[in-house]
Amino acid sequence: MKNKPLILLAIILGLPLISASQDIIYRNNGEEIRAVVLEISPGVVKYLKYDHRQGPVFSIAREQCEKIIYENGRVVTFDKPEKKIKSGKTENRPLPVRKSPLLGWHIGLGASNIYGDIENNKPLLASSIGVSVTLPFTRNNSLLLQADLLSLGCSFHDMDYIDESDNSRVSITNAVEDLGYIGLLLTNRYFFNSGFNYYVEGGVYGSFLVNARMQGDVEVTDTLGQVSSGSFNEQLIEFYDVFDFGVAAGLGGRIPLDKRKKWHLTLGLRFYYGLTNIIDTGIPLLNEYRESNIYGLVFLGLDIPTKSPD
């Protein structure tokens, strides 16, 4: 046959195509690529598409490949990059702050007064000094236990009156009623952020009276016009009840003082409202008389964790 040499030539030229292997590349996204794999390098896999073996050469990153199954059945698998990706995300994510019990000390200044049946009184400077323990119990809440030495009371406007016993005129100035307490406070602090920097709080307090006195200056003018003056300091503890109870509320912030956020400076404002009658109503003349404490304090303190936050 005249065409026999041409047919034989075509068969010879087609042998490489017929004998070319069909490999399958499996990508991580589930895609399958029918190909002729040419080269696997550390970074990429180079291949020809099975139905375009004359070219061009394609490349795919090794990290995008799950495995390759060659035409002869050999399987090449690639490590998945998930662990590396997760590790990178963990490094960029801020480490959670772990709360530990806190020990603290503080001082406070503010104003106090007495409300109720008392008259002619005005606010007096109040002060406190004490220690505290803060116990975390949820992600955003902590229980504060605090003990204070408190100086409370009120001052009075200048007073003039006639002493009916001898008709002398009495003028009292700079009069101050000073009450000293040992106070115990229990509040819940709710923190607004994960760094535990800003909070509001509310709770109750109970105080035990240790001192009560009134002091000031007095001037007496008798009926003949003679004037005598001096100061007075009267103990009043027998007129007051030993216990005071009320509610407290406040807000504040904590500022870290070191890079490890171990020490914190605490600045806060707290308001106290007494609910009990601080007068000893067992005294006959005072059985219907009522006085209660009311005061507010701005306090500055230092918080120290009992263990490292790291």
C-alpha atoms as a PDB file:
ATOM      1  CA  MET A   1       0.000   0.000   0.000  1.00  0.00           C
ATOM      2  CA  LYS A   2       1.249   3.412  -0.932  1.00  0.00           C
ATOM      3  CA  ASN A   3       0.007   4.953   2.379  1.00  0.00           C
ATOM      4  CA  LYS A   4       1.572   2.286   4.587  1.00  0.00           C
ATOM      5  CA  PRO A   5       4.765   4.319   5.297  1.00  0.00           C
ATOM      6  CA  LEU A   6       2.661   7.353   6.317  1.00  0.00           C
ATOM      7  CA  ILE A   7       0.557   5.293   8.720  1.00  0.00           C
ATOM      8  CA  LEU A   8       3.656   3.723  10.239  1.00  0.00           C
ATOM      9  CA  LEU A   9       5.222   7.184  10.702  1.00  0.00           C
ATOM     10  CA  ALA A  10       2.106   8.459  12.475  1.00  0.00           C
ATOM     11  CA  ILE A  11       2.130   5.483  14.831  1.00  0.00           C
ATOM     12  CA  ILE A  12       5.803   6.035  15.635  1.00  0.00           C
ATOM     13  CA  LEU A  13       5.256   9.781  16.356  1.00  0.00           C
ATOM     14  CA  GLY A  14       2.222   9.046  18.537  1.00  0.00           C
ATOM     15  CA  LEU A  15       3.938   6.521  20.742  1.00  0.00           C
ATOM     16  CA  PRO A  16       5.297   9.140  23.205  1.00  0.00           C
ATOM     17  CA  LEU A  17       1.803  10.580  23.656  1.00  0.00           C
ATOM     18  CA  ILE A  18       0.229   7.208  24.190  1.00  0.00           C
ATOM     19  CA  SER A  19       2.904   6.176  26.653  1.00  0.00           C
ATOM     20  CA  ALA A  20       2.759   9.484  28.645  1.00  0.00           C
ATOM     21  CA  SER A  21       1.585   8.802  32.167  1.00  0.00           C
ATOM     22  CA  GLN A  22      -1.499  10.388  33.695  1.00  0.00           C
ATOM     23  CA  ASP A  23      -0.857  11.716  37.218  1.00  0.00           C
ATOM     24  CA  ILE A  24      -3.478  13.240  39.531  1.00  0.00           C
ATOM     25  CA  ILE A  25      -2.730  16.236  41.771  1.00  0.00           C
ATOM     26  CA  TYR A  26      -5.128  16.621  44.719  1.00  0.00           C
ATOM     27  CA  ARG A  27      -5.390  20.181  46.065  1.00  0.00           C
ATOM     28  CA  ASN A  28      -6.335  21.066  49.661  1.00  0.00           C
ATOM     29  CA  ASN A  29      -9.612  22.574  48.452  1.00  0.00           C
ATOM     30  CA  GLY A  30     -10.694  19.227  46.984  1.00  0.00           C
ATOM     31  CA  GLU A  31      -9.873  20.024  43.340  1.00  0.00           C
ATOM     32  CA  GLU A  32      -8.276  17.269  41.209  1.00  0.00           C
ATOM     33  CA  ILE A  33      -5.853  18.109  38.405  1.00  0.00           C
ATOM     34  CA  ARG A  34      -5.112  15.483  35.743  1.00  0.00           C
ATOM     35  CA  ALA A  35      -1.530  16.182  34.797  1.00  0.00           C
ATOM     36  CA  VAL A  36       1.921  15.003  33.912  1.00  0.00           C
ATOM     37  CA  VAL A  37       4.109  15.937  36.878  1.00  0.00           C
ATOM     38  CA  LEU A  38       7.492  17.249  35.771  1.00  0.00           C
ATOM     39  CA  GLU A  39       9.182  18.354  38.963  1.00  0.00           C
ATOM     40  CA  ILE A  40       8.583  18.661  42.719  1.00  0.00           C
ATOM     41  CA  SER A  41      10.781  21.333  44.278  1.00  0.00           C
ATOM     42  CA  PRO A  42      10.803  22.630  47.910  1.00  0.00           C
ATOM     43  CA  GLY A  43       8.404  25.428  46.998  1.00  0.00           C
ATOM     44  CA  VAL A  44       6.333  24.389  43.963  1.00  0.00           C
ATOM     45  CA  VAL A  45       5.081  21.487  41.886  1.00  0.00           C
ATOM     46  CA  LYS A  46       5.557  21.892  38.097  1.00  0.00           C
ATOM     47  CA  TYR A  47       3.312  19.984  35.700  1.00  0.00           C
ATOM     48  CA  LEU A  48       1.764  19.800  32.241  1.00  0.00           C
ATOM     49  CA  LYS A  49      -1.956  19.482  31.851  1.00  0.00           C
ATOM     50  CA  TYR A  50      -2.752  15.984  30.679  1.00  0.00           C
ATOM     51  CA  ASP A  51      -4.742  17.157  27.680  1.00  0.00           C
ATOM     52  CA  HIS A  52      -2.112  19.829  26.790  1.00  0.00           C
ATOM     53  CA  ARG A  53       1.135  17.948  27.110  1.00  0.00           C
ATOM     54  CA  GLN A  54       2.852  20.139  24.552  1.00  0.00           C
ATOM     55  CA  GLY A  55       2.803  23.025  27.079  1.00  0.00           C
ATOM     56  CA  PRO A  56       2.759  25.407  28.743  1.00  0.00           C
ATOM     57  CA  VAL A  57       4.280  24.356  32.080  1.00  0.00           C
ATOM     58  CA  PHE A  58       2.099  25.175  35.135  1.00  0.00           C
ATOM     59  CA  SER A  59       3.166  25.609  38.739  1.00  0.00           C
ATOM     60  CA  ILE A  60       1.306  25.214  42.042  1.00  0.00           C
ATOM     61  CA  ALA A  61       2.580  25.900  45.539  1.00  0.00           C
ATOM     62  CA  ARG A  62       3.372  22.759  47.520  1.00  0.00           C
ATOM     63  CA  GLU A  63       1.368  24.036  50.510  1.00  0.00           C
ATOM     64  CA  GLN A  64      -1.731  24.007  48.299  1.00  0.00           C
ATOM     65  CA  CYS A  65      -1.290  20.325  47.479  1.00  0.00           C
ATOM     66  CA  GLU A  66      -2.619  17.504  49.600  1.00  0.00           C
ATOM     67  CA  LYS A  67      -1.089  14.618  47.601  1.00  0.00           C
ATOM     68  CA  ILE A  68      -0.064  13.353  44.137  1.00  0.00           C
ATOM     69  CA  ILE A  69      -0.985   9.914  42.800  1.00  0.00           C
ATOM     70  CA  TYR A  70       1.216   8.878  39.910  1.00  0.00           C
ATOM     71  CA  GLU A  71       0.004   6.742  37.002  1.00  0.00           C
ATOM     72  CA  ASN A  72       1.992   3.783  38.355  1.00  0.00           C
ATOM     73  CA  GLY A  73       0.171   4.020  41.735  1.00  0.00           C
ATOM     74  CA  ARG A  74       2.914   5.722  43.730  1.00  0.00           C
ATOM     75  CA  VAL A  75       1.551   8.300  46.196  1.00  0.00           C
ATOM     76  CA  VAL A  76       3.325  11.427  47.416  1.00  0.00           C
ATOM     77  CA  THR A  77       1.689  13.298  50.310  1.00  0.00           C
ATOM     78  CA  PHE A  78       2.421  16.782  51.628  1.00  0.00           C
ATOM     79  CA  ASP A  79       2.239  18.099  55.187  1.00  0.00           C
ATOM     80  CA  LYS A  80      -0.782  20.269  55.818  1.00  0.00           C
ATOM     81  CA  PRO A  81      -0.010  23.851  56.919  1.00  0.00           C
ATOM     82  CA  GLU A  82      -2.808  24.148  59.506  1.00  0.00           C
ATOM     83  CA  LYS A  83      -0.475  23.805  62.497  1.00  0.00           C
ATOM     84  CA  LYS A  84       1.756  26.543  61.210  1.00  0.00           C
ATOM     85  CA  ILE A  85      -1.195  28.848  60.524  1.00  0.00           C
ATOM     86  CA  LYS A  86      -2.667  28.256  63.974  1.00  0.00           C
ATOM     87  CA  SER A  87       0.702  28.916  65.559  1.00  0.00           C
ATOM     88  CA  GLY A  88       0.941  32.230  63.741  1.00  0.00           C
ATOM     89  CA  LYS A  89      -2.535  33.265  64.907  1.00  0.00           C
ATOM     90  CA  THR A  90      -1.716  32.359  68.489  1.00  0.00           C
ATOM     91  CA  GLU A  91       1.417  34.477  68.419  1.00  0.00           C
ATOM     92  CA  ASN A  92      -0.518  37.525  67.224  1.00  0.00           C
ATOM     93  CA  ARG A  93      -3.401  37.082  69.668  1.00  0.00           C
ATOM     94  CA  PRO A  94      -2.904  38.912  73.004  1.00  0.00           C
ATOM     95  CA  LEU A  95      -2.441  36.545  75.899  1.00  0.00           C
ATOM     96  CA  PRO A  96      -5.419  36.461  78.275  1.00  0.00           C
ATOM     97  CA  VAL A  97      -4.905  38.173  81.607  1.00  0.00           C
ATOM     98  CA  ARG A  98      -5.358  35.751  84.468  1.00  0.00           C
ATOM     99  CA  LYS A  99      -6.823  37.286  87.598  1.00  0.00           C
ATOM    100  CA  SER A 100      -5.383  36.393  90.951  1.00  0.00           C
ATOM    101  CA  PRO A 101      -6.429  37.502  94.457  1.00  0.00           C
ATOM    102  CA  LEU A 102      -5.189  40.991  95.250  1.00  0.00           C
ATOM    103  CA  LEU A 103      -3.868  42.499  98.449  1.00  0.00           C
ATOM    104  CA  GLY A 104      -4.118  46.264  98.741  1.00  0.00           C
ATOM    105  CA  TRP A 105      -3.789  49.278 100.966  1.00  0.00           C
ATOM    106  CA  HIS A 106      -5.311  52.719 100.503  1.00  0.00           C
ATOM    107  CA  ILE A 107      -5.927  56.160 101.933  1.00  0.00           C
ATOM    108  CA  GLY A 108      -8.983  58.297 101.356  1.00  0.00           C
ATOM    109  CA  LEU A 109     -10.163  61.868 101.804  1.00  0.00           C
ATOM    110  CA  GLY A 110     -13.616  63.304 101.376  1.00  0.00           C
ATOM    111  CA  ALA A 111     -16.536  64.863 103.208  1.00  0.00           C
ATOM    112  CA  SER A 112     -18.987  63.553 105.783  1.00  0.00           C
ATOM    113  CA  ASN A 113     -22.155  64.781 107.441  1.00  0.00           C
ATOM    114  CA  ILE A 114     -24.979  63.599 109.668  1.00  0.00           C
ATOM    115  CA  TYR A 115     -28.580  63.670 108.529  1.00  0.00           C
ATOM    116  CA  GLY A 116     -31.810  63.213 110.458  1.00  0.00           C
ATOM    117  CA  ASP A 117     -33.120  65.352 113.325  1.00  0.00           C
ATOM    118  CA  ILE A 118     -29.830  67.201 113.768  1.00  0.00           C
ATOM    119  CA  GLU A 119     -29.861  70.918 112.881  1.00  0.00           C
ATOM    120  CA  ASN A 120     -27.388  73.694 112.076  1.00  0.00           C
ATOM    121  CA  ASN A 121     -24.763  71.210 110.882  1.00  0.00           C
ATOM    122  CA  LYS A 122     -22.565  71.234 107.771  1.00  0.00           C
ATOM    123  CA  PRO A 123     -20.071  68.839 106.121  1.00  0.00           C
ATOM    124  CA  LEU A 124     -16.773  67.993 107.740  1.00  0.00           C
ATOM    125  CA  LEU A 125     -13.544  66.652 106.263  1.00  0.00           C
ATOM    126  CA  ALA A 126     -13.552  62.833 106.361  1.00  0.00           C
ATOM    127  CA  SER A 127     -10.602  60.470 106.078  1.00  0.00           C
ATOM    128  CA  SER A 128      -9.833  56.762 105.936  1.00  0.00           C
ATOM    129  CA  ILE A 129      -6.885  54.411 105.862  1.00  0.00           C
ATOM    130  CA  GLY A 130      -7.091  50.667 105.443  1.00  0.00           C
ATOM    131  CA  VAL A 131      -6.343  47.381 103.740  1.00  0.00           C
ATOM    132  CA  SER A 132      -8.288  45.180 101.333  1.00  0.00           C
ATOM    133  CA  VAL A 133      -8.467  41.751  99.706  1.00  0.00           C
ATOM    134  CA  THR A 134      -9.963  41.341  96.210  1.00  0.00           C
ATOM    135  CA  LEU A 135     -11.182  37.861  95.233  1.00  0.00           C
ATOM    136  CA  PRO A 136     -12.067  37.213  91.545  1.00  0.00           C
ATOM    137  CA  PHE A 137     -15.022  34.857  91.107  1.00  0.00           C
ATOM    138  CA  THR A 138     -16.176  35.346  87.487  1.00  0.00           C
ATOM    139  CA  ARG A 139     -14.667  36.745  84.301  1.00  0.00           C
ATOM    140  CA  ASN A 140     -15.766  40.320  85.082  1.00  0.00           C
ATOM    141  CA  ASN A 141     -16.623  40.280  88.789  1.00  0.00           C
ATOM    142  CA  SER A 142     -14.507  40.440  91.917  1.00  0.00           C
ATOM    143  CA  LEU A 143     -15.453  40.484  95.587  1.00  0.00           C
ATOM    144  CA  LEU A 144     -13.800  43.250  97.643  1.00  0.00           C
ATOM    145  CA  LEU A 145     -13.306  42.836 101.403  1.00  0.00           C
ATOM    146  CA  GLN A 146     -12.011  46.004 103.043  1.00  0.00           C
ATOM    147  CA  ALA A 147     -11.220  47.213 106.577  1.00  0.00           C
ATOM    148  CA  ASP A 148     -10.777  50.919 107.412  1.00  0.00           C
ATOM    149  CA  LEU A 149     -10.084  53.327 110.229  1.00  0.00           C
ATOM    150  CA  LEU A 150     -12.626  56.097 109.600  1.00  0.00           C
ATOM    151  CA  SER A 151     -12.856  59.668 110.847  1.00  0.00           C
ATOM    152  CA  LEU A 152     -16.374  61.022 110.244  1.00  0.00           C
ATOM    153  CA  GLY A 153     -18.820  63.508 111.728  1.00  0.00           C
ATOM    154  CA  CYS A 154     -19.954  67.038 111.011  1.00  0.00           C
ATOM    155  CA  SER A 155     -19.234  70.655 111.894  1.00  0.00           C
ATOM    156  CA  PHE A 156     -21.657  73.341 113.055  1.00  0.00           C
ATOM    157  CA  HIS A 157     -22.441  76.926 112.219  1.00  0.00           C
ATOM    158  CA  ASP A 158     -21.717  79.484 114.942  1.00  0.00           C
ATOM    159  CA  MET A 159     -24.423  79.404 117.614  1.00  0.00           C
ATOM    160  CA  ASP A 160     -25.690  81.988 120.147  1.00  0.00           C
ATOM    161  CA  TYR A 161     -28.243  81.275 122.861  1.00  0.00           C
ATOM    162  CA  ILE A 162     -29.325  82.406 126.309  1.00  0.00           C
ATOM    163  CA  ASP A 163     -28.605  80.101 129.229  1.00  0.00           C
ATOM    164  CA  GLU A 164     -31.903  80.083 131.156  1.00  0.00           C
ATOM    165  CA  SER A 165     -30.207  79.110 134.421  1.00  0.00           C
ATOM    166  CA  ASP A 166     -28.408  82.453 134.820  1.00  0.00           C
ATOM    167  CA  ASN A 167     -29.506  84.469 131.758  1.00  0.00           C
ATOM    168  CA  SER A 168     -25.955  84.567 130.450  1.00  0.00           C
ATOM    169  CA  ARG A 169     -25.294  84.692 126.729  1.00  0.00           C
ATOM    170  CA  VAL A 170     -23.361  81.753 125.252  1.00  0.00           C
ATOM    171  CA  SER A 171     -21.590  81.890 121.881  1.00  0.00           C
ATOM    172  CA  ILE A 172     -20.164  78.661 120.399  1.00  0.00           C
ATOM    173  CA  THR A 173     -17.790  78.761 117.415  1.00  0.00           C
ATOM    174  CA  ASN A 174     -15.710  76.214 115.502  1.00  0.00           C
ATOM    175  CA  ALA A 175     -17.803  73.356 116.899  1.00  0.00           C
ATOM    176  CA  VAL A 176     -17.027  69.932 115.468  1.00  0.00           C
ATOM    177  CA  GLU A 177     -18.546  66.533 116.189  1.00  0.00           C
ATOM    178  CA  ASP A 178     -15.975  63.840 115.450  1.00  0.00           C
ATOM    179  CA  LEU A 179     -16.873  60.136 115.195  1.00  0.00           C
ATOM    180  CA  GLY A 180     -14.228  57.437 114.900  1.00  0.00           C
ATOM    181  CA  TYR A 181     -15.138  54.024 113.428  1.00  0.00           C
ATOM    182  CA  ILE A 182     -13.578  50.738 112.424  1.00  0.00           C
ATOM    183  CA  GLY A 183     -15.354  50.040 109.137  1.00  0.00           C
ATOM    184  CA  LEU A 184     -15.837  46.776 107.238  1.00  0.00           C
ATOM    185  CA  LEU A 185     -16.877  46.937 103.576  1.00  0.00           C
ATOM    186  CA  LEU A 186     -18.119  44.194 101.233  1.00  0.00           C
ATOM    187  CA  THR A 187     -18.719  45.089  97.565  1.00  0.00           C
ATOM    188  CA  ASN A 188     -18.873  43.479  94.152  1.00  0.00           C
ATOM    189  CA  ARG A 189     -16.646  45.079  91.525  1.00  0.00           C
ATOM    190  CA  TYR A 190     -17.705  44.706  87.905  1.00  0.00           C
ATOM    191  CA  PHE A 191     -14.876  45.331  85.403  1.00  0.00           C
ATOM    192  CA  PHE A 192     -15.694  46.669  81.938  1.00  0.00           C
ATOM    193  CA  ASN A 193     -12.589  45.479  80.055  1.00  0.00           C
ATOM    194  CA  SER A 194     -10.382  42.390  79.865  1.00  0.00           C
ATOM    195  CA  GLY A 195      -7.444  44.243  81.419  1.00  0.00           C
ATOM    196  CA  PHE A 196      -9.503  44.907  84.586  1.00  0.00           C
ATOM    197  CA  ASN A 197      -8.825  48.634  84.487  1.00  0.00           C
ATOM    198  CA  TYR A 198     -12.288  50.215  84.859  1.00  0.00           C
ATOM    199  CA  TYR A 199     -15.039  49.161  87.242  1.00  0.00           C
ATOM    200  CA  VAL A 200     -18.204  50.035  89.109  1.00  0.00           C
ATOM    201  CA  GLU A 201     -19.020  48.585  92.497  1.00  0.00           C
ATOM    202  CA  GLY A 202     -21.834  48.253  94.973  1.00  0.00           C
ATOM    203  CA  GLY A 203     -22.295  46.620  98.351  1.00  0.00           C
ATOM    204  CA  VAL A 204     -22.809  47.098 102.085  1.00  0.00           C
ATOM    205  CA  TYR A 205     -20.767  48.298 105.020  1.00  0.00           C
ATOM    206  CA  GLY A 206     -20.810  47.908 108.797  1.00  0.00           C
ATOM    207  CA  SER A 207     -18.894  50.128 111.227  1.00  0.00           C
ATOM    208  CA  PHE A 208     -18.062  49.886 114.933  1.00  0.00           C
ATOM    209  CA  LEU A 209     -17.796  53.089 116.977  1.00  0.00           C
ATOM    210  CA  VAL A 210     -14.519  53.613 118.852  1.00  0.00           C
ATOM    211  CA  ASN A 211     -14.681  57.334 119.641  1.00  0.00           C
ATOM    212  CA  ALA A 212     -17.216  60.173 119.729  1.00  0.00           C
ATOM    213  CA  ARG A 213     -16.532  63.697 120.918  1.00  0.00           C
ATOM    214  CA  MET A 214     -17.457  67.340 120.354  1.00  0.00           C
ATOM    215  CA  GLN A 215     -14.985  70.180 120.561  1.00  0.00           C
ATOM    216  CA  GLY A 216     -14.958  73.894 119.822  1.00  0.00           C
ATOM    217  CA  ASP A 217     -14.632  77.362 121.308  1.00  0.00           C
ATOM    218  CA  VAL A 218     -17.104  78.986 123.716  1.00  0.00           C
ATOM    219  CA  GLU A 219     -17.583  82.541 124.957  1.00  0.00           C
ATOM    220  CA  VAL A 220     -19.917  83.373 127.890  1.00  0.00           C
ATOM    221  CA  THR A 221     -21.197  86.894 128.667  1.00  0.00           C
ATOM    222  CA  ASP A 222     -22.927  87.210 132.035  1.00  0.00           C
ATOM    223  CA  THR A 223     -25.657  89.695 132.980  1.00  0.00           C
ATOM    224  CA  LEU A 224     -23.038  92.199 134.216  1.00  0.00           C
ATOM    225  CA  GLY A 225     -21.294  92.206 130.843  1.00  0.00           C
ATOM    226  CA  GLN A 226     -18.246  90.250 131.974  1.00  0.00           C
ATOM    227  CA  VAL A 227     -16.875  87.921 129.260  1.00  0.00           C
ATOM    228  CA  SER A 228     -15.103  84.612 129.732  1.00  0.00           C
ATOM    229  CA  SER A 229     -13.918  82.367 126.920  1.00  0.00           C
ATOM    230  CA  GLY A 230     -12.172  79.079 126.296  1.00  0.00           C
ATOM    231  CA  SER A 231     -12.361  75.796 124.438  1.00  0.00           C
ATOM    232  CA  PHE A 232     -14.256  72.625 125.208  1.00  0.00           C
ATOM    233  CA  ASN A 233     -13.797  68.941 124.402  1.00  0.00           C
ATOM    234  CA  GLU A 234     -16.679  66.727 125.447  1.00  0.00           C
ATOM    235  CA  GLN A 235     -16.837  62.944 125.147  1.00  0.00           C
ATOM    236  CA  LEU A 236     -20.155  61.810 123.610  1.00  0.00           C
ATOM    237  CA  ILE A 237     -19.596  58.091 123.125  1.00  0.00           C
ATOM    238  CA  GLU A 238     -22.291  57.176 125.661  1.00  0.00           C
ATOM    239  CA  PHE A 239     -24.894  58.940 123.479  1.00  0.00           C
ATOM    240  CA  TYR A 240     -24.151  56.887 120.333  1.00  0.00           C
ATOM    241  CA  ASP A 241     -24.914  53.345 119.291  1.00  0.00           C
ATOM    242  CA  VAL A 242     -21.880  51.128 118.846  1.00  0.00           C
ATOM    243  CA  PHE A 243     -22.885  49.875 115.364  1.00  0.00           C
ATOM    244  CA  ASP A 244     -23.601  51.610 112.050  1.00  0.00           C
ATOM    245  CA  PHE A 245     -24.825  49.905 108.870  1.00  0.00           C
ATOM    246  CA  GLY A 246     -25.467  51.143 105.324  1.00  0.00           C
ATOM    247  CA  VAL A 247     -24.940  50.762 101.598  1.00  0.00           C
ATOM    248  CA  ALA A 248     -22.002  51.837  99.428  1.00  0.00           C
ATOM    249  CA  ALA A 249     -21.472  52.404  95.710  1.00  0.00           C
ATOM    250  CA  GLY A 250     -18.612  53.716  93.622  1.00  0.00           C
ATOM    251  CA  LEU A 251     -16.475  53.629  90.519  1.00  0.00           C
ATOM    252  CA  GLY A 252     -12.782  53.668  89.765  1.00  0.00           C
ATOM    253  CA  GLY A 253      -9.823  52.609  87.691  1.00  0.00           C
ATOM    254  CA  ARG A 254      -6.599  50.631  87.990  1.00  0.00           C
ATOM    255  CA  ILE A 255      -3.369  51.770  86.309  1.00  0.00           C
ATOM    256  CA  PRO A 256      -0.510  49.237  85.805  1.00  0.00           C
ATOM    257  CA  LEU A 257       2.822  50.398  87.210  1.00  0.00           C
ATOM    258  CA  ASP A 258       5.100  47.827  85.537  1.00  0.00           C
ATOM    259  CA  LYS A 259       5.346  46.012  82.196  1.00  0.00           C
ATOM    260  CA  ARG A 260       4.206  42.715  83.686  1.00  0.00           C
ATOM    261  CA  LYS A 261       1.093  44.459  85.035  1.00  0.00           C
ATOM    262  CA  LYS A 262       1.752  43.050  88.470  1.00  0.00           C
ATOM    263  CA  TRP A 263       1.406  46.240  90.523  1.00  0.00           C
ATOM    264  CA  HIS A 264      -1.565  48.565  89.999  1.00  0.00           C
ATOM    265  CA  LEU A 265      -2.334  52.052  91.261  1.00  0.00           C
ATOM    266  CA  THR A 266      -6.023  52.298  92.132  1.00  0.00           C
ATOM    267  CA  LEU A 267      -8.002  55.537  92.084  1.00  0.00           C
ATOM    268  CA  GLY A 268     -11.673  55.539  93.000  1.00  0.00           C
ATOM    269  CA  LEU A 269     -14.689  57.393  94.304  1.00  0.00           C
ATOM    270  CA  ARG A 270     -17.123  55.806  96.761  1.00  0.00           C
ATOM    271  CA  PHE A 271     -20.342  57.046  98.405  1.00  0.00           C
ATOM    272  CA  TYR A 272     -21.684  55.690 101.728  1.00  0.00           C
ATOM    273  CA  TYR A 273     -25.263  56.076 102.948  1.00  0.00           C
ATOM    274  CA  GLY A 274     -26.104  55.064 106.517  1.00  0.00           C
ATOM    275  CA  LEU A 275     -29.370  53.213 107.106  1.00  0.00           C
ATOM    276  CA  THR A 276     -29.296  52.900 110.902  1.00  0.00           C
ATOM    277  CA  ASN A 277     -29.862  55.364 113.711  1.00  0.00           C
ATOM    278  CA  ILE A 278     -26.441  55.997 115.262  1.00  0.00           C
ATOM    279  CA  ILE A 279     -27.983  57.528 118.416  1.00  0.00           C
ATOM    280  CA  ASP A 280     -28.433  55.294 121.484  1.00  0.00           C
ATOM    281  CA  THR A 281     -32.218  55.339 121.736  1.00  0.00           C
ATOM    282  CA  GLY A 282     -32.012  53.629 125.125  1.00  0.00           C
ATOM    283  CA  ILE A 283     -31.412  57.054 126.671  1.00  0.00           C
ATOM    284  CA  PRO A 284     -34.859  58.404 127.680  1.00  0.00           C
ATOM    285  CA  LEU A 285     -34.417  61.885 126.189  1.00  0.00           C
ATOM    286  CA  LEU A 286     -33.132  60.457 122.905  1.00  0.00           C
ATOM    287  CA  ASN A 287     -35.565  57.600 122.290  1.00  0.00           C
ATOM    288  CA  GLU A 288     -37.277  59.461 119.426  1.00  0.00           C
ATOM    289  CA  TYR A 289     -34.202  61.262 118.115  1.00  0.00           C
ATOM    290  CA  ARG A 290     -32.474  60.111 114.929  1.00  0.00           C
ATOM    291  CA  GLU A 291     -29.078  60.656 113.313  1.00  0.00           C
ATOM    292  CA  SER A 292     -27.424  58.744 110.445  1.00  0.00           C
ATOM    293  CA  ASN A 293     -24.061  58.973 108.717  1.00  0.00           C
ATOM    294  CA  ILE A 294     -23.577  60.007 105.120  1.00  0.00           C
ATOM    295  CA  TYR A 295     -20.152  60.461 103.507  1.00  0.00           C
ATOM    296  CA  GLY A 296     -18.090  60.187 100.355  1.00  0.00           C
ATOM    297  CA  LEU A 297     -14.412  59.411  99.826  1.00  0.00           C
ATOM    298  CA  VAL A 298     -11.880  59.735  97.033  1.00  0.00           C
ATOM    299  CA  PHE A 299      -9.272  57.068  97.652  1.00  0.00           C
ATOM    300  CA  LEU A 300      -5.830  56.219  96.306  1.00  0.00           C
ATOM    301  CA  GLY A 301      -4.315  52.792  96.766  1.00  0.00           C
ATOM    302  CA  LEU A 302      -1.950  50.089  95.585  1.00  0.00           C
ATOM    303  CA  ASP A 303      -2.999  46.586  94.477  1.00  0.00           C
ATOM    304  CA  ILE A 304      -0.528  43.694  94.621  1.00  0.00           C
ATOM    305  CA  PRO A 305      -1.440  40.225  93.255  1.00  0.00           C
ATOM    306  CA  THR A 306      -0.767  37.242  95.488  1.00  0.00           C
ATOM    307  CA  LYS A 307       0.785  35.413  92.505  1.00  0.00           C
ATOM    308  CA  SER A 308       2.339  36.425  89.201  1.00  0.00           C
ATOM    309  CA  PRO A 309      -0.186  37.119  86.379  1.00  0.00           C
ATOM    310  CA  ASP A 310       2.188  35.273  84.031  1.00  0.00           C
END
